[in-house]
Amino acid sequence: MSEETPQIAYEILAYLVENPDAQDTLEGIVEWWLLERAIRHHTLEVKEALTMLIAHELVLERKGKDVRTYYKINRQKLGEIISLLRQQSEKKGFALNPNE
């Protein structure tokens, strides 16, 4: 049994609690149930990461004409970003800590 098996079991149960009438095949559970939950979870993580990157002025945000927010690299911080990426690959941990 993989270390991830209990977590996946909880994800399946959580999906079923949220959708008590759901039923599907193995492939459907992987493609739809677990993927949907992972996307929701990762969306929150990505939002938090973008907030952190914007706070450090490494990423810029702008509102588009379509009212959506767009994100792009802050070219003025390119040297700093490259340095951070090098540090990350050496340390295996991202060096952007709000407490720094």
PDB file of N, CA and C in Angstrom:
ATOM      1  N   MET A   1       0.851  -1.186   0.000  1.00  0.00           N
ATOM      2  CA  MET A   1       0.000   0.000   0.000  1.00  0.00           C
ATOM      3  C   MET A   1       0.892   1.243   0.000  1.00  0.00           C
ATOM      4  N   SER A   2       0.576   2.169  -0.868  1.00  0.00           N
ATOM      5  CA  SER A   2       1.289   3.436  -0.983  1.00  0.00           C
ATOM      6  C   SER A   2       0.999   4.328   0.220  1.00  0.00           C
ATOM      7  N   GLU A   3       1.913   5.245   0.511  1.00  0.00           N
ATOM      8  CA  GLU A   3       1.677   6.217   1.596  1.00  0.00           C
ATOM      9  C   GLU A   3       0.498   7.126   1.276  1.00  0.00           C
ATOM     10  N   GLU A   4       0.196   7.290  -0.017  1.00  0.00           N
ATOM     11  CA  GLU A   4      -0.891   8.169  -0.439  1.00  0.00           C
ATOM     12  C   GLU A   4      -2.263   7.502  -0.354  1.00  0.00           C
ATOM     13  N   THR A   5      -2.306   6.176  -0.209  1.00  0.00           N
ATOM     14  CA  THR A   5      -3.575   5.454  -0.235  1.00  0.00           C
ATOM     15  C   THR A   5      -4.579   5.960   0.798  1.00  0.00           C
ATOM     16  N   PRO A   6      -4.197   6.140   2.071  1.00  0.00           N
ATOM     17  CA  PRO A   6      -5.191   6.657   3.028  1.00  0.00           C
ATOM     18  C   PRO A   6      -5.717   8.044   2.651  1.00  0.00           C
ATOM     19  N   GLN A   7      -4.862   8.915   2.146  1.00  0.00           N
ATOM     20  CA  GLN A   7      -5.305  10.253   1.744  1.00  0.00           C
ATOM     21  C   GLN A   7      -6.294  10.170   0.588  1.00  0.00           C
ATOM     22  N   ILE A   8      -6.014   9.304  -0.364  1.00  0.00           N
ATOM     23  CA  ILE A   8      -6.928   9.135  -1.498  1.00  0.00           C
ATOM     24  C   ILE A   8      -8.263   8.588  -1.005  1.00  0.00           C
ATOM     25  N   ALA A   9      -8.221   7.657  -0.061  1.00  0.00           N
ATOM     26  CA  ALA A   9      -9.459   7.111   0.504  1.00  0.00           C
ATOM     27  C   ALA A   9     -10.291   8.221   1.144  1.00  0.00           C
ATOM     28  N   TYR A  10      -9.640   9.113   1.884  1.00  0.00           N
ATOM     29  CA  TYR A  10     -10.361  10.245   2.486  1.00  0.00           C
ATOM     30  C   TYR A  10     -10.930  11.166   1.413  1.00  0.00           C
ATOM     31  N   GLU A  11     -10.193  11.381   0.327  1.00  0.00           N
ATOM     32  CA  GLU A  11     -10.681  12.236  -0.762  1.00  0.00           C
ATOM     33  C   GLU A  11     -11.929  11.627  -1.397  1.00  0.00           C
ATOM     34  N   ILE A  12     -11.921  10.312  -1.581  1.00  0.00           N
ATOM     35  CA  ILE A  12     -13.098   9.637  -2.145  1.00  0.00           C
ATOM     36  C   ILE A  12     -14.292   9.786  -1.209  1.00  0.00           C
ATOM     37  N   LEU A  13     -14.070   9.556   0.084  1.00  0.00           N
ATOM     38  CA  LEU A  13     -15.161   9.701   1.053  1.00  0.00           C
ATOM     39  C   LEU A  13     -15.672  11.134   1.106  1.00  0.00           C
ATOM     40  N   ALA A  14     -14.778  12.102   1.076  1.00  0.00           N
ATOM     41  CA  ALA A  14     -15.196  13.510   1.107  1.00  0.00           C
ATOM     42  C   ALA A  14     -16.044  13.839  -0.114  1.00  0.00           C
ATOM     43  N   TYR A  15     -15.641  13.336  -1.270  1.00  0.00           N
ATOM     44  CA  TYR A  15     -16.421  13.575  -2.484  1.00  0.00           C
ATOM     45  C   TYR A  15     -17.821  12.971  -2.332  1.00  0.00           C
ATOM     46  N   LEU A  16     -17.866  11.742  -1.811  1.00  0.00           N
ATOM     47  CA  LEU A  16     -19.159  11.075  -1.656  1.00  0.00           C
ATOM     48  C   LEU A  16     -20.060  11.770  -0.646  1.00  0.00           C
ATOM     49  N   VAL A  17     -19.495  12.348   0.387  1.00  0.00           N
ATOM     50  CA  VAL A  17     -20.289  13.116   1.352  1.00  0.00           C
ATOM     51  C   VAL A  17     -20.867  14.355   0.670  1.00  0.00           C
ATOM     52  N   GLU A  18     -20.057  15.009  -0.163  1.00  0.00           N
ATOM     53  CA  GLU A  18     -20.519  16.204  -0.881  1.00  0.00           C
ATOM     54  C   GLU A  18     -21.500  15.853  -1.996  1.00  0.00           C
ATOM     55  N   ASN A  19     -21.412  14.627  -2.520  1.00  0.00           N
ATOM     56  CA  ASN A  19     -22.235  14.175  -3.654  1.00  0.00           C
ATOM     57  C   ASN A  19     -22.774  12.780  -3.354  1.00  0.00           C
ATOM     58  N   PRO A  20     -23.718  12.661  -2.400  1.00  0.00           N
ATOM     59  CA  PRO A  20     -24.151  11.341  -1.937  1.00  0.00           C
ATOM     60  C   PRO A  20     -24.803  10.457  -3.005  1.00  0.00           C
ATOM     61  N   ASP A  21     -25.261  11.023  -4.105  1.00  0.00           N
ATOM     62  CA  ASP A  21     -25.877  10.230  -5.169  1.00  0.00           C
ATOM     63  C   ASP A  21     -24.872   9.811  -6.237  1.00  0.00           C
ATOM     64  N   ALA A  22     -23.612  10.180  -6.052  1.00  0.00           N
ATOM     65  CA  ALA A  22     -22.592   9.900  -7.065  1.00  0.00           C
ATOM     66  C   ALA A  22     -22.258   8.411  -7.117  1.00  0.00           C
ATOM     67  N   GLN A  23     -21.974   7.959  -8.328  1.00  0.00           N
ATOM     68  CA  GLN A  23     -21.412   6.631  -8.534  1.00  0.00           C
ATOM     69  C   GLN A  23     -20.642   6.679  -9.843  1.00  0.00           C
ATOM     70  N   ASP A  24     -19.556   5.934  -9.929  1.00  0.00           N
ATOM     71  CA  ASP A  24     -18.731   6.004 -11.130  1.00  0.00           C
ATOM     72  C   ASP A  24     -17.809   4.805 -11.194  1.00  0.00           C
ATOM     73  N   THR A  25     -17.109   4.683 -12.299  1.00  0.00           N
ATOM     74  CA  THR A  25     -16.110   3.640 -12.496  1.00  0.00           C
ATOM     75  C   THR A  25     -14.788   4.100 -11.901  1.00  0.00           C
ATOM     76  N   LEU A  26     -13.827   3.202 -11.838  1.00  0.00           N
ATOM     77  CA  LEU A  26     -12.480   3.565 -11.378  1.00  0.00           C
ATOM     78  C   LEU A  26     -11.946   4.741 -12.186  1.00  0.00           C
ATOM     79  N   GLU A  27     -12.068   4.635 -13.504  1.00  0.00           N
ATOM     80  CA  GLU A  27     -11.561   5.707 -14.374  1.00  0.00           C
ATOM     81  C   GLU A  27     -12.281   7.024 -14.115  1.00  0.00           C
ATOM     82  N   GLY A  28     -13.600   6.953 -13.924  1.00  0.00           N
ATOM     83  CA  GLY A  28     -14.374   8.162 -13.648  1.00  0.00           C
ATOM     84  C   GLY A  28     -14.001   8.788 -12.324  1.00  0.00           C
ATOM     85  N   ILE A  29     -13.776   7.949 -11.327  1.00  0.00           N
ATOM     86  CA  ILE A  29     -13.376   8.473 -10.016  1.00  0.00           C
ATOM     87  C   ILE A  29     -12.048   9.195 -10.128  1.00  0.00           C
ATOM     88  N   VAL A  30     -11.095   8.609 -10.826  1.00  0.00           N
ATOM     89  CA  VAL A  30      -9.783   9.249 -10.993  1.00  0.00           C
ATOM     90  C   VAL A  30      -9.911  10.533 -11.794  1.00  0.00           C
ATOM     91  N   GLU A  31     -10.604  10.454 -12.944  1.00  0.00           N
ATOM     92  CA  GLU A  31     -10.671  11.594 -13.857  1.00  0.00           C
ATOM     93  C   GLU A  31     -11.561  12.724 -13.362  1.00  0.00           C
ATOM     94  N   TRP A  32     -12.645  12.399 -12.656  1.00  0.00           N
ATOM     95  CA  TRP A  32     -13.606  13.431 -12.300  1.00  0.00           C
ATOM     96  C   TRP A  32     -13.620  13.746 -10.818  1.00  0.00           C
ATOM     97  N   TRP A  33     -13.808  12.759  -9.987  1.00  0.00           N
ATOM     98  CA  TRP A  33     -13.927  13.028  -8.558  1.00  0.00           C
ATOM     99  C   TRP A  33     -12.637  13.580  -7.990  1.00  0.00           C
ATOM    100  N   LEU A  34     -11.557  12.827  -8.154  1.00  0.00           N
ATOM    101  CA  LEU A  34     -10.292  13.230  -7.530  1.00  0.00           C
ATOM    102  C   LEU A  34      -9.685  14.442  -8.231  1.00  0.00           C
ATOM    103  N   LEU A  35      -9.811  14.492  -9.541  1.00  0.00           N
ATOM    104  CA  LEU A  35      -9.278  15.642 -10.275  1.00  0.00           C
ATOM    105  C   LEU A  35      -9.997  16.923  -9.870  1.00  0.00           C
ATOM    106  N   GLU A  36     -11.311  16.851  -9.747  1.00  0.00           N
ATOM    107  CA  GLU A  36     -12.095  18.037  -9.335  1.00  0.00           C
ATOM    108  C   GLU A  36     -11.652  18.537  -7.963  1.00  0.00           C
ATOM    109  N   ARG A  37     -11.485  17.615  -7.017  1.00  0.00           N
ATOM    110  CA  ARG A  37     -11.059  18.009  -5.668  1.00  0.00           C
ATOM    111  C   ARG A  37      -9.632  18.551  -5.700  1.00  0.00           C
ATOM    112  N   ALA A  38      -8.760  17.941  -6.489  1.00  0.00           N
ATOM    113  CA  ALA A  38      -7.377  18.409  -6.580  1.00  0.00           C
ATOM    114  C   ALA A  38      -7.319  19.806  -7.188  1.00  0.00           C
ATOM    115  N   ILE A  39      -8.121  20.037  -8.210  1.00  0.00           N
ATOM    116  CA  ILE A  39      -8.145  21.360  -8.847  1.00  0.00           C
ATOM    117  C   ILE A  39      -8.602  22.412  -7.841  1.00  0.00           C
ATOM    118  N   ARG A  40      -9.655  22.114  -7.087  1.00  0.00           N
ATOM    119  CA  ARG A  40     -10.124  23.069  -6.072  1.00  0.00           C
ATOM    120  C   ARG A  40      -9.037  23.359  -5.051  1.00  0.00           C
ATOM    121  N   HIS A  41      -8.379  22.294  -4.582  1.00  0.00           N
ATOM    122  CA  HIS A  41      -7.313  22.444  -3.586  1.00  0.00           C
ATOM    123  C   HIS A  41      -6.145  23.243  -4.166  1.00  0.00           C
ATOM    124  N   HIS A  42      -5.721  22.890  -5.367  1.00  0.00           N
ATOM    125  CA  HIS A  42      -4.583  23.568  -5.966  1.00  0.00           C
ATOM    126  C   HIS A  42      -4.909  25.014  -6.349  1.00  0.00           C
ATOM    127  N   THR A  43      -6.151  25.285  -6.673  1.00  0.00           N
ATOM    128  CA  THR A  43      -6.543  26.659  -6.981  1.00  0.00           C
ATOM    129  C   THR A  43      -6.298  27.553  -5.773  1.00  0.00           C
ATOM    130  N   LEU A  44      -6.656  27.071  -4.588  1.00  0.00           N
ATOM    131  CA  LEU A  44      -6.412  27.852  -3.368  1.00  0.00           C
ATOM    132  C   LEU A  44      -4.918  28.031  -3.124  1.00  0.00           C
ATOM    133  N   GLU A  45      -4.143  26.968  -3.339  1.00  0.00           N
ATOM    134  CA  GLU A  45      -2.693  27.065  -3.149  1.00  0.00           C
ATOM    135  C   GLU A  45      -2.063  28.034  -4.149  1.00  0.00           C
ATOM    136  N   VAL A  46      -2.515  27.990  -5.395  1.00  0.00           N
ATOM    137  CA  VAL A  46      -1.989  28.895  -6.421  1.00  0.00           C
ATOM    138  C   VAL A  46      -2.339  30.332  -6.078  1.00  0.00           C
ATOM    139  N   LYS A  47      -3.550  30.563  -5.603  1.00  0.00           N
ATOM    140  CA  LYS A  47      -3.964  31.918  -5.213  1.00  0.00           C
ATOM    141  C   LYS A  47      -3.067  32.448  -4.092  1.00  0.00           C
ATOM    142  N   GLU A  48      -2.786  31.607  -3.094  1.00  0.00           N
ATOM    143  CA  GLU A  48      -1.902  32.009  -1.994  1.00  0.00           C
ATOM    144  C   GLU A  48      -0.485  32.281  -2.507  1.00  0.00           C
ATOM    145  N   ALA A  49      -0.004  31.436  -3.402  1.00  0.00           N
ATOM    146  CA  ALA A  49       1.344  31.625  -3.956  1.00  0.00           C
ATOM    147  C   ALA A  49       1.419  32.928  -4.750  1.00  0.00           C
ATOM    148  N   LEU A  50       0.403  33.215  -5.556  1.00  0.00           N
ATOM    149  CA  LEU A  50       0.389  34.465  -6.315  1.00  0.00           C
ATOM    150  C   LEU A  50       0.361  35.666  -5.385  1.00  0.00           C
ATOM    151  N   THR A  51      -0.413  35.590  -4.309  1.00  0.00           N
ATOM    152  CA  THR A  51      -0.458  36.681  -3.328  1.00  0.00           C
ATOM    153  C   THR A  51       0.930  36.928  -2.753  1.00  0.00           C
ATOM    154  N   MET A  52       1.643  35.866  -2.437  1.00  0.00           N
ATOM    155  CA  MET A  52       2.997  35.983  -1.897  1.00  0.00           C
ATOM    156  C   MET A  52       3.941  36.592  -2.937  1.00  0.00           C
ATOM    157  N   LEU A  53       3.864  36.119  -4.186  1.00  0.00           N
ATOM    158  CA  LEU A  53       4.743  36.630  -5.235  1.00  0.00           C
ATOM    159  C   LEU A  53       4.459  38.103  -5.536  1.00  0.00           C
ATOM    160  N   ILE A  54       3.203  38.488  -5.485  1.00  0.00           N
ATOM    161  CA  ILE A  54       2.828  39.890  -5.704  1.00  0.00           C
ATOM    162  C   ILE A  54       3.337  40.749  -4.546  1.00  0.00           C
ATOM    163  N   ALA A  55       3.216  40.257  -3.328  1.00  0.00           N
ATOM    164  CA  ALA A  55       3.693  41.000  -2.153  1.00  0.00           C
ATOM    165  C   ALA A  55       5.197  41.253  -2.239  1.00  0.00           C
ATOM    166  N   HIS A  56       5.919  40.308  -2.822  1.00  0.00           N
ATOM    167  CA  HIS A  56       7.368  40.460  -2.991  1.00  0.00           C
ATOM    168  C   HIS A  56       7.723  41.177  -4.303  1.00  0.00           C
ATOM    169  N   GLU A  57       6.690  41.613  -5.028  1.00  0.00           N
ATOM    170  CA  GLU A  57       6.828  42.336  -6.285  1.00  0.00           C
ATOM    171  C   GLU A  57       7.596  41.550  -7.345  1.00  0.00           C
ATOM    172  N   LEU A  58       7.512  40.218  -7.286  1.00  0.00           N
ATOM    173  CA  LEU A  58       8.146  39.372  -8.291  1.00  0.00           C
ATOM    174  C   LEU A  58       7.190  39.109  -9.451  1.00  0.00           C
ATOM    175  N   VAL A  59       5.910  39.180  -9.153  1.00  0.00           N
ATOM    176  CA  VAL A  59       4.859  39.014 -10.146  1.00  0.00           C
ATOM    177  C   VAL A  59       3.972  40.240 -10.080  1.00  0.00           C
ATOM    178  N   LEU A  60       3.553  40.705 -11.247  1.00  0.00           N
ATOM    179  CA  LEU A  60       2.665  41.864 -11.333  1.00  0.00           C
ATOM    180  C   LEU A  60       1.275  41.385 -11.731  1.00  0.00           C
ATOM    181  N   GLU A  61       0.267  42.075 -11.258  1.00  0.00           N
ATOM    182  CA  GLU A  61      -1.111  41.749 -11.631  1.00  0.00           C
ATOM    183  C   GLU A  61      -1.750  42.970 -12.267  1.00  0.00           C
ATOM    184  N   ARG A  62      -2.661  42.697 -13.185  1.00  0.00           N
ATOM    185  CA  ARG A  62      -3.413  43.788 -13.800  1.00  0.00           C
ATOM    186  C   ARG A  62      -4.800  43.283 -14.150  1.00  0.00           C
ATOM    187  N   LYS A  63      -5.748  44.193 -14.109  1.00  0.00           N
ATOM    188  CA  LYS A  63      -7.114  43.856 -14.488  1.00  0.00           C
ATOM    189  C   LYS A  63      -7.245  44.021 -15.995  1.00  0.00           C
ATOM    190  N   GLY A  64      -7.799  43.033 -16.643  1.00  0.00           N
ATOM    191  CA  GLY A  64      -8.016  43.089 -18.079  1.00  0.00           C
ATOM    192  C   GLY A  64      -9.336  43.751 -18.413  1.00  0.00           C
ATOM    193  N   LYS A  65      -9.528  44.001 -19.687  1.00  0.00           N
ATOM    194  CA  LYS A  65     -10.791  44.594 -20.137  1.00  0.00           C
ATOM    195  C   LYS A  65     -11.960  43.662 -19.863  1.00  0.00           C
ATOM    196  N   ASP A  66     -11.657  42.371 -19.756  1.00  0.00           N
ATOM    197  CA  ASP A  66     -12.700  41.387 -19.488  1.00  0.00           C
ATOM    198  C   ASP A  66     -12.943  41.199 -17.990  1.00  0.00           C
ATOM    199  N   VAL A  67     -12.376  42.063 -17.148  1.00  0.00           N
ATOM    200  CA  VAL A  67     -12.544  42.121 -15.704  1.00  0.00           C
ATOM    201  C   VAL A  67     -11.757  41.011 -14.976  1.00  0.00           C
ATOM    202  N   ARG A  68     -11.122  40.127 -15.725  1.00  0.00           N
ATOM    203  CA  ARG A  68     -10.306  39.099 -15.075  1.00  0.00           C
ATOM    204  C   ARG A  68      -8.948  39.681 -14.732  1.00  0.00           C
ATOM    205  N   THR A  69      -8.265  39.047 -13.788  1.00  0.00           N
ATOM    206  CA  THR A  69      -6.934  39.483 -13.377  1.00  0.00           C
ATOM    207  C   THR A  69      -5.898  38.658 -14.109  1.00  0.00           C
ATOM    208  N   TYR A  70      -4.880  39.344 -14.622  1.00  0.00           N
ATOM    209  CA  TYR A  70      -3.786  38.701 -15.347  1.00  0.00           C
ATOM    210  C   TYR A  70      -2.496  38.899 -14.562  1.00  0.00           C
ATOM    211  N   TYR A  71      -1.627  37.899 -14.620  1.00  0.00           N
ATOM    212  CA  TYR A  71      -0.376  37.913 -13.871  1.00  0.00           C
ATOM    213  C   TYR A  71       0.784  37.749 -14.830  1.00  0.00           C
ATOM    214  N   LYS A  72       1.874  38.465 -14.541  1.00  0.00           N
ATOM    215  CA  LYS A  72       3.073  38.318 -15.364  1.00  0.00           C
ATOM    216  C   LYS A  72       4.308  38.620 -14.520  1.00  0.00           C
ATOM    217  N   ILE A  73       5.447  38.213 -15.029  1.00  0.00           N
ATOM    218  CA  ILE A  73       6.705  38.413 -14.324  1.00  0.00           C
ATOM    219  C   ILE A  73       7.034  39.907 -14.256  1.00  0.00           C
ATOM    220  N   ASN A  74       7.633  40.319 -13.157  1.00  0.00           N
ATOM    221  CA  ASN A  74       8.129  41.689 -13.022  1.00  0.00           C
ATOM    222  C   ASN A  74       9.545  41.686 -13.579  1.00  0.00           C
ATOM    223  N   ARG A  75       9.703  42.168 -14.798  1.00  0.00           N
ATOM    224  CA  ARG A  75      11.005  42.115 -15.483  1.00  0.00           C
ATOM    225  C   ARG A  75      12.095  42.875 -14.724  1.00  0.00           C
ATOM    226  N   GLN A  76      11.702  43.863 -13.935  1.00  0.00           N
ATOM    227  CA  GLN A  76      12.692  44.605 -13.151  1.00  0.00           C
ATOM    228  C   GLN A  76      13.283  43.750 -12.039  1.00  0.00           C
ATOM    229  N   LYS A  77      12.631  42.646 -11.710  1.00  0.00           N
ATOM    230  CA  LYS A  77      13.097  41.747 -10.651  1.00  0.00           C
ATOM    231  C   LYS A  77      13.652  40.435 -11.219  1.00  0.00           C
ATOM    232  N   LEU A  78      13.928  40.395 -12.517  1.00  0.00           N
ATOM    233  CA  LEU A  78      14.344  39.165 -13.163  1.00  0.00           C
ATOM    234  C   LEU A  78      15.606  38.577 -12.536  1.00  0.00           C
ATOM    235  N   GLY A  79      16.595  39.407 -12.237  1.00  0.00           N
ATOM    236  CA  GLY A  79      17.819  38.926 -11.602  1.00  0.00           C
ATOM    237  C   GLY A  79      17.540  38.289 -10.250  1.00  0.00           C
ATOM    238  N   GLU A  80      16.697  38.924  -9.459  1.00  0.00           N
ATOM    239  CA  GLU A  80      16.324  38.399  -8.146  1.00  0.00           C
ATOM    240  C   GLU A  80      15.572  37.072  -8.287  1.00  0.00           C
ATOM    241  N   ILE A  81      14.701  36.998  -9.275  1.00  0.00           N
ATOM    242  CA  ILE A  81      13.926  35.779  -9.503  1.00  0.00           C
ATOM    243  C   ILE A  81      14.851  34.624  -9.893  1.00  0.00           C
ATOM    244  N   ILE A  82      15.785  34.884 -10.787  1.00  0.00           N
ATOM    245  CA  ILE A  82      16.733  33.847 -11.197  1.00  0.00           C
ATOM    246  C   ILE A  82      17.548  33.373 -10.002  1.00  0.00           C
ATOM    247  N   SER A  83      17.956  34.305  -9.165  1.00  0.00           N
ATOM    248  CA  SER A  83      18.711  33.956  -7.959  1.00  0.00           C
ATOM    249  C   SER A  83      17.879  33.075  -7.028  1.00  0.00           C
ATOM    250  N   LEU A  84      16.616  33.431  -6.822  1.00  0.00           N
ATOM    251  CA  LEU A  84      15.726  32.630  -5.989  1.00  0.00           C
ATOM    252  C   LEU A  84      15.547  31.219  -6.547  1.00  0.00           C
ATOM    253  N   LEU A  85      15.403  31.115  -7.863  1.00  0.00           N
ATOM    254  CA  LEU A  85      15.236  29.803  -8.475  1.00  0.00           C
ATOM    255  C   LEU A  85      16.487  28.954  -8.313  1.00  0.00           C
ATOM    256  N   ARG A  86      17.641  29.572  -8.422  1.00  0.00           N
ATOM    257  CA  ARG A  86      18.893  28.836  -8.196  1.00  0.00           C
ATOM    258  C   ARG A  86      18.978  28.352  -6.751  1.00  0.00           C
ATOM    259  N   GLN A  87      18.633  29.232  -5.806  1.00  0.00           N
ATOM    260  CA  GLN A  87      18.634  28.845  -4.394  1.00  0.00           C
ATOM    261  C   GLN A  87      17.685  27.677  -4.153  1.00  0.00           C
ATOM    262  N   GLN A  88      16.524  27.741  -4.765  1.00  0.00           N
ATOM    263  CA  GLN A  88      15.525  26.693  -4.588  1.00  0.00           C
ATOM    264  C   GLN A  88      16.046  25.359  -5.095  1.00  0.00           C
ATOM    265  N   SER A  89      16.701  25.371  -6.232  1.00  0.00           N
ATOM    266  CA  SER A  89      17.188  24.111  -6.772  1.00  0.00           C
ATOM    267  C   SER A  89      18.324  23.554  -5.919  1.00  0.00           C
ATOM    268  N   GLU A  90      19.073  24.418  -5.254  1.00  0.00           N
ATOM    269  CA  GLU A  90      20.154  23.974  -4.382  1.00  0.00           C
ATOM    270  C   GLU A  90      19.625  23.486  -3.035  1.00  0.00           C
ATOM    271  N   LYS A  91      18.629  24.181  -2.483  1.00  0.00           N
ATOM    272  CA  LYS A  91      18.124  23.871  -1.147  1.00  0.00           C
ATOM    273  C   LYS A  91      16.897  22.987  -1.157  1.00  0.00           C
ATOM    274  N   LYS A  92      16.239  22.872  -2.289  1.00  0.00           N
ATOM    275  CA  LYS A  92      14.974  22.137  -2.403  1.00  0.00           C
ATOM    276  C   LYS A  92      13.879  22.757  -1.543  1.00  0.00           C
ATOM    277  N   GLY A  93      13.927  24.058  -1.394  1.00  0.00           N
ATOM    278  CA  GLY A  93      12.886  24.774  -0.658  1.00  0.00           C
ATOM    279  C   GLY A  93      12.820  26.197  -1.164  1.00  0.00           C
ATOM    280  N   PHE A  94      11.647  26.727  -1.303  1.00  0.00           N
ATOM    281  CA  PHE A  94      11.499  28.070  -1.856  1.00  0.00           C
ATOM    282  C   PHE A  94      11.861  29.094  -0.784  1.00  0.00           C
ATOM    283  N   ALA A  95      12.644  30.092  -1.154  1.00  0.00           N
ATOM    284  CA  ALA A  95      13.187  31.042  -0.196  1.00  0.00           C
ATOM    285  C   ALA A  95      12.294  32.276  -0.003  1.00  0.00           C
ATOM    286  N   LEU A  96      11.021  32.144  -0.275  1.00  0.00           N
ATOM    287  CA  LEU A  96      10.097  33.267  -0.084  1.00  0.00           C
ATOM    288  C   LEU A  96       9.292  33.005   1.176  1.00  0.00           C
ATOM    289  N   ASN A  97       9.757  33.527   2.252  1.00  0.00           N
ATOM    290  CA  ASN A  97       9.060  33.363   3.518  1.00  0.00           C
ATOM    291  C   ASN A  97       8.559  34.719   3.957  1.00  0.00           C
ATOM    292  N   PRO A  98       7.262  34.863   4.220  1.00  0.00           N
ATOM    293  CA  PRO A  98       6.744  36.170   4.649  1.00  0.00           C
ATOM    294  C   PRO A  98       7.443  36.709   5.900  1.00  0.00           C
ATOM    295  N   ASN A  99       8.069  35.844   6.673  1.00  0.00           N
ATOM    296  CA  ASN A  99       8.739  36.281   7.906  1.00  0.00           C
ATOM    297  C   ASN A  99      10.188  36.693   7.681  1.00  0.00           C
ATOM    298  N   GLU A 100      10.648  36.651   6.414  1.00  0.00           N
ATOM    299  CA  GLU A 100      12.042  37.026   6.143  1.00  0.00           C
ATOM    300  C   GLU A 100      12.229  38.517   6.224  1.00  0.00           C
TER     301      GLU A 100
END
